[in-house]
Amino acid sequence: MDAITGYLIANPTVFKIMVVFVLIVVAYFIFKQFLKLSLVLLLIVLAGAGYHYFNNPQQMSEDVQKSVSTVKSGVEKGKSFYKDSKELIDKTKKVPEDVSKFFKSSEDKAGK
């Protein structure tokens, strides 16, 4: 055991590689169950969507078109939010200059 710890202390790169490998293996065993669960849920959702599509394909197409238009409007809202926040950031960059001008003018009026 002392030989192993002595080797790992003498070679820190090997120790780091072993730690990363152990963490990957532990993460794999933890997330393996989540991966299986997510695949099963995906299959259930696809089966439900297929069932509804075969029962009423016209309604399914309309629902998909509504979803696409909703996503597009959300993207447009996101773009406008980005532009508005960019303008707000530009305005806030000017605020310290305006405040310093205000104080300079008040100092001039006070005669300092």
Protein backbone atom coordinates (compact mmCIF):
# COMPACT_ATOMS: atom_id res chain seq x y z
CA MET A 1 0.00 0.00 0.00
CA ASP A 2 2.88 2.34 0.80
CA ALA A 3 4.38 1.61 -2.60
CA ILE A 4 1.14 2.64 -4.33
CA THR A 5 0.78 5.88 -2.37
CA GLY A 6 4.46 6.64 -2.87
CA TYR A 7 4.08 6.13 -6.61
CA LEU A 8 1.00 8.38 -6.77
CA ILE A 9 2.77 11.08 -4.76
CA ALA A 10 5.80 10.89 -7.06
CA ASN A 11 3.57 11.01 -10.19
CA PRO A 12 0.73 13.50 -9.65
CA THR A 13 -0.35 13.26 -13.30
CA VAL A 14 -1.13 9.57 -12.92
CA PHE A 15 -3.09 10.37 -9.75
CA LYS A 16 -5.14 13.02 -11.56
CA ILE A 17 -5.89 10.65 -14.43
CA MET A 18 -7.00 7.95 -11.98
CA VAL A 19 -9.28 10.38 -10.14
CA VAL A 20 -10.89 11.54 -13.40
CA PHE A 21 -11.36 7.93 -14.51
CA VAL A 22 -13.01 6.99 -11.21
CA LEU A 23 -15.30 10.03 -11.38
CA ILE A 24 -16.32 9.14 -14.93
CA VAL A 25 -17.12 5.56 -13.92
CA VAL A 26 -19.16 6.72 -10.91
CA ALA A 27 -21.03 9.28 -13.02
CA TYR A 28 -21.74 6.60 -15.62
CA PHE A 29 -23.31 4.29 -13.06
CA ILE A 30 -25.36 7.13 -11.56
CA PHE A 31 -26.62 8.52 -14.88
CA LYS A 32 -27.12 5.12 -16.50
CA GLN A 33 -30.42 4.78 -14.67
CA PHE A 34 -31.49 8.31 -15.69
CA LEU A 35 -30.57 7.54 -19.29
CA LYS A 36 -32.74 4.43 -19.29
CA LEU A 37 -35.62 6.35 -17.71
CA SER A 38 -35.36 9.17 -20.24
CA LEU A 39 -35.34 6.72 -23.15
CA VAL A 40 -38.43 4.95 -21.81
CA LEU A 41 -40.22 8.30 -21.36
CA LEU A 42 -39.22 9.34 -24.89
CA LEU A 43 -40.66 6.12 -26.28
CA ILE A 44 -43.91 6.69 -24.37
CA VAL A 45 -44.20 10.25 -25.69
CA LEU A 46 -43.49 9.12 -29.26
CA ALA A 47 -46.06 6.33 -28.95
CA GLY A 48 -48.68 8.79 -27.69
CA ALA A 49 -47.90 11.24 -30.50
CA GLY A 50 -48.14 8.44 -33.05
CA TYR A 51 -51.48 7.32 -31.65
CA HIS A 52 -52.93 10.83 -31.88
CA TYR A 53 -51.48 11.29 -35.37
CA PHE A 54 -53.10 8.11 -36.71
CA ASN A 55 -56.45 8.96 -35.12
CA ASN A 56 -56.65 12.50 -36.53
CA PRO A 57 -53.74 13.54 -38.80
CA GLN A 58 -55.33 16.84 -39.84
CA GLN A 59 -55.71 18.02 -36.24
CA MET A 60 -52.13 16.95 -35.50
CA SER A 61 -50.82 19.03 -38.41
CA GLU A 62 -52.74 22.08 -37.18
CA ASP A 63 -51.39 21.61 -33.66
CA VAL A 64 -47.84 21.39 -34.99
CA GLN A 65 -48.34 24.58 -37.03
CA LYS A 66 -49.67 26.36 -33.93
CA SER A 67 -46.66 25.19 -31.95
CA VAL A 68 -44.27 26.40 -34.64
CA SER A 69 -45.92 29.82 -34.77
CA THR A 70 -45.77 30.03 -30.98
CA VAL A 71 -42.07 29.25 -31.02
CA LYS A 72 -41.47 31.85 -33.75
CA SER A 73 -43.28 34.52 -31.75
CA GLY A 74 -41.21 33.56 -28.71
CA VAL A 75 -38.03 33.98 -30.74
CA GLU A 76 -39.18 37.40 -31.90
CA LYS A 77 -39.90 38.38 -28.30
CA GLY A 78 -36.43 37.19 -27.34
CA LYS A 79 -34.84 39.29 -30.07
CA SER A 80 -36.75 42.39 -29.00
CA PHE A 81 -35.79 41.72 -25.36
CA TYR A 82 -32.14 41.49 -26.43
CA LYS A 83 -32.33 44.79 -28.33
CA ASP A 84 -34.12 46.54 -25.46
CA SER A 85 -31.63 45.30 -22.89
CA LYS A 86 -28.72 46.32 -25.12
CA GLU A 87 -30.16 49.85 -25.33
CA LEU A 88 -30.63 49.88 -21.55
CA ILE A 89 -27.01 48.84 -21.03
CA ASP A 90 -25.85 51.64 -23.31
CA LYS A 91 -27.92 54.13 -21.31
CA THR A 92 -26.53 52.87 -18.00
CA LYS A 93 -22.99 53.36 -19.30
CA LYS A 94 -23.80 57.06 -19.76
CA VAL A 95 -25.24 57.52 -16.25
CA PRO A 96 -21.89 57.85 -14.38
CA GLU A 97 -20.81 60.58 -16.82
CA ASP A 98 -24.07 62.45 -16.29
CA VAL A 99 -23.78 62.18 -12.51
CA SER A 100 -20.19 63.46 -12.56
CA LYS A 101 -21.29 66.40 -14.75
CA PHE A 102 -24.07 67.14 -12.26
CA PHE A 103 -21.63 67.23 -9.35
CA LYS A 104 -19.12 69.35 -11.27
CA SER A 105 -21.80 71.89 -12.11
CA SER A 106 -22.96 72.02 -8.47
CA GLU A 107 -19.36 72.51 -7.31
CA ASP A 108 -18.98 75.37 -9.80
CA LYS A 109 -22.15 76.99 -8.51
CA ALA A 110 -20.96 76.64 -4.92
CA GLY A 111 -17.70 78.34 -5.86
CA LYS A 112 -15.32 75.52 -5.00
